Protein backbone atom coordinates (compact mmCIF):
# COMPACT_ATOMS: atom_id res chain seq x y z
CA GLN A 1 -36.59 -78.59 24.71
CA VAL A 2 -35.26 -81.24 22.36
CA GLN A 3 -34.61 -79.97 18.86
CA LEU A 4 -33.34 -81.82 15.81
CA VAL A 5 -32.57 -79.80 12.69
CA GLU A 6 -31.63 -81.58 9.47
CA SER A 7 -29.83 -80.02 6.53
CA GLY A 8 -27.99 -81.04 3.39
CA GLY A 9 -30.78 -82.37 1.21
CA ASP A 10 -30.60 -81.55 -2.49
CA LEU A 11 -31.24 -82.69 -6.03
CA VAL A 12 -28.47 -85.03 -7.18
CA GLN A 13 -27.88 -87.23 -10.20
CA PRO A 14 -27.84 -91.03 -9.92
CA GLY A 15 -24.44 -92.20 -8.75
CA GLY A 16 -23.80 -88.96 -6.90
CA SER A 17 -23.19 -88.26 -3.23
CA LEU A 18 -24.73 -86.14 -0.49
CA ARG A 19 -23.99 -85.60 3.16
CA LEU A 20 -26.87 -84.93 5.51
CA SER A 21 -26.39 -83.29 8.87
CA CYS A 22 -28.57 -83.20 11.97
CA ALA A 23 -27.88 -80.63 14.67
CA ALA A 24 -29.24 -81.65 18.08
CA SER A 25 -29.94 -79.57 21.16
CA GLY A 26 -31.90 -79.67 24.41
CA PHE A 27 -30.63 -83.01 25.71
CA THR A 28 -27.38 -84.78 26.57
CA PHE A 29 -26.54 -85.76 23.02
CA SER A 30 -23.64 -88.05 23.89
CA ALA A 31 -25.90 -90.28 26.00
CA TYR A 32 -28.36 -91.33 23.30
CA ALA A 33 -28.43 -93.34 20.13
CA MET A 34 -29.41 -91.48 16.99
CA ARG A 35 -31.20 -92.64 13.88
CA TRP A 36 -31.90 -91.57 10.32
CA TYR A 37 -35.24 -92.47 8.78
CA ARG A 38 -36.65 -91.70 5.35
CA GLN A 39 -40.09 -91.50 3.81
CA ALA A 40 -40.72 -91.68 0.10
CA PRO A 41 -43.99 -90.44 -1.43
CA GLY A 42 -46.79 -92.90 -0.79
CA LYS A 43 -44.62 -95.14 1.39
CA GLU A 44 -44.19 -95.71 5.09
CA ARG A 45 -41.31 -94.15 6.97
CA GLU A 46 -38.39 -96.57 7.13
CA LEU A 47 -35.31 -96.81 9.34
CA VAL A 48 -32.15 -96.16 7.35
CA ALA A 49 -29.32 -96.17 9.88
CA THR A 50 -28.65 -96.20 13.63
CA ILE A 51 -25.61 -95.16 15.63
CA SER A 52 -24.98 -95.85 19.31
CA SER A 53 -24.33 -93.09 21.83
CA THR A 54 -20.56 -93.46 21.57
CA GLY A 55 -20.53 -94.11 17.84
CA SER A 56 -18.99 -97.53 18.29
CA THR A 57 -21.95 -99.43 16.85
CA THR A 58 -23.82 -98.75 13.63
CA ASN A 59 -26.58 -100.56 11.79
CA TYR A 60 -28.02 -100.08 8.32
CA ALA A 61 -31.02 -101.08 6.29
CA ASP A 62 -30.10 -103.66 3.68
CA SER A 63 -31.09 -101.22 0.95
CA VAL A 64 -28.35 -98.74 1.91
CA LYS A 65 -25.65 -101.02 3.31
CA ASP A 66 -22.21 -100.36 1.77
CA ARG A 67 -23.44 -97.06 0.30
CA PHE A 68 -24.42 -94.98 3.34
CA THR A 69 -22.36 -94.20 6.43
CA ILE A 70 -23.73 -92.80 9.68
CA SER A 71 -21.40 -90.99 12.05
CA ARG A 72 -21.57 -88.56 14.95
CA ASP A 73 -19.55 -85.81 16.57
CA ASN A 74 -20.46 -85.68 20.24
CA ALA A 75 -18.43 -82.50 20.73
CA LYS A 76 -20.60 -80.72 18.17
CA ASN A 77 -23.92 -82.49 18.94
CA THR A 78 -24.18 -83.51 15.31
CA VAL A 79 -25.04 -86.73 13.49
CA LEU A 80 -24.16 -87.16 9.82
CA LEU A 81 -25.31 -89.42 7.02
CA GLN A 82 -22.89 -89.77 4.13
CA MET A 83 -24.73 -91.12 1.10
CA ASN A 84 -22.79 -92.43 -1.88
CA SER A 85 -23.81 -94.14 -5.12
CA LEU A 86 -27.25 -92.64 -4.83
CA LYS A 87 -30.14 -94.23 -6.70
CA PRO A 88 -33.53 -92.85 -7.73
CA SER A 89 -35.02 -95.20 -5.11
CA ASP A 90 -33.21 -93.17 -2.42
CA THR A 91 -35.48 -90.21 -3.18
CA ALA A 92 -37.28 -89.34 0.05
CA VAL A 93 -37.54 -86.92 2.91
CA TYR A 94 -34.85 -87.85 5.43
CA TYR A 95 -35.50 -87.43 9.14
CA CYS A 96 -33.25 -87.39 12.18
CA ASN A 97 -34.63 -89.21 15.22
CA THR A 98 -33.86 -89.98 18.83
CA LEU A 99 -35.59 -91.55 21.82
CA VAL A 100 -35.05 -89.68 25.10
CA ARG A 101 -36.66 -91.03 28.29
CA THR A 102 -39.47 -92.81 26.35
CA PHE A 103 -40.23 -89.77 24.18
CA THR A 104 -39.52 -89.94 20.46
CA TYR A 105 -38.29 -86.80 18.74
CA TRP A 106 -38.14 -85.98 15.03
CA GLY A 107 -36.62 -83.22 12.99
CA GLN A 108 -38.52 -81.43 10.25
CA GLY A 109 -36.85 -83.46 7.51
CA THR A 110 -34.69 -82.64 4.50
CA GLN A 111 -35.59 -83.55 0.92
CA VAL A 112 -33.25 -85.74 -1.11
CA THR A 113 -34.11 -86.15 -4.78
CA VAL A 114 -32.08 -88.44 -7.02
CA SER A 115 -32.86 -87.82 -10.66
CA SER A 116 -31.17 -87.19 -13.97
């Protein structure tokens, strides 16, 4: 079955960096776009970044543009989110997501806390 497992979340100071990783299994990873979402306490889940199946196309929410970079390694079935210049407003649980044959799959999430 499809599995998405996120890792890399941590407590970091404002201005710091983190790299999140999502390990995928149970489907043909290289054939599907991948996404990172986040959900802050009391807020709706929001789309952060998207990467196409080949990695040639990426899109970002305005709030993270020029600070976050999404990438993928199709040989390792992994999607990454490099987060730089982190702000307290980036504090959230970050989720990996994909849509396979009309079914939406989510990982369990990884907590990112930006605080001094």
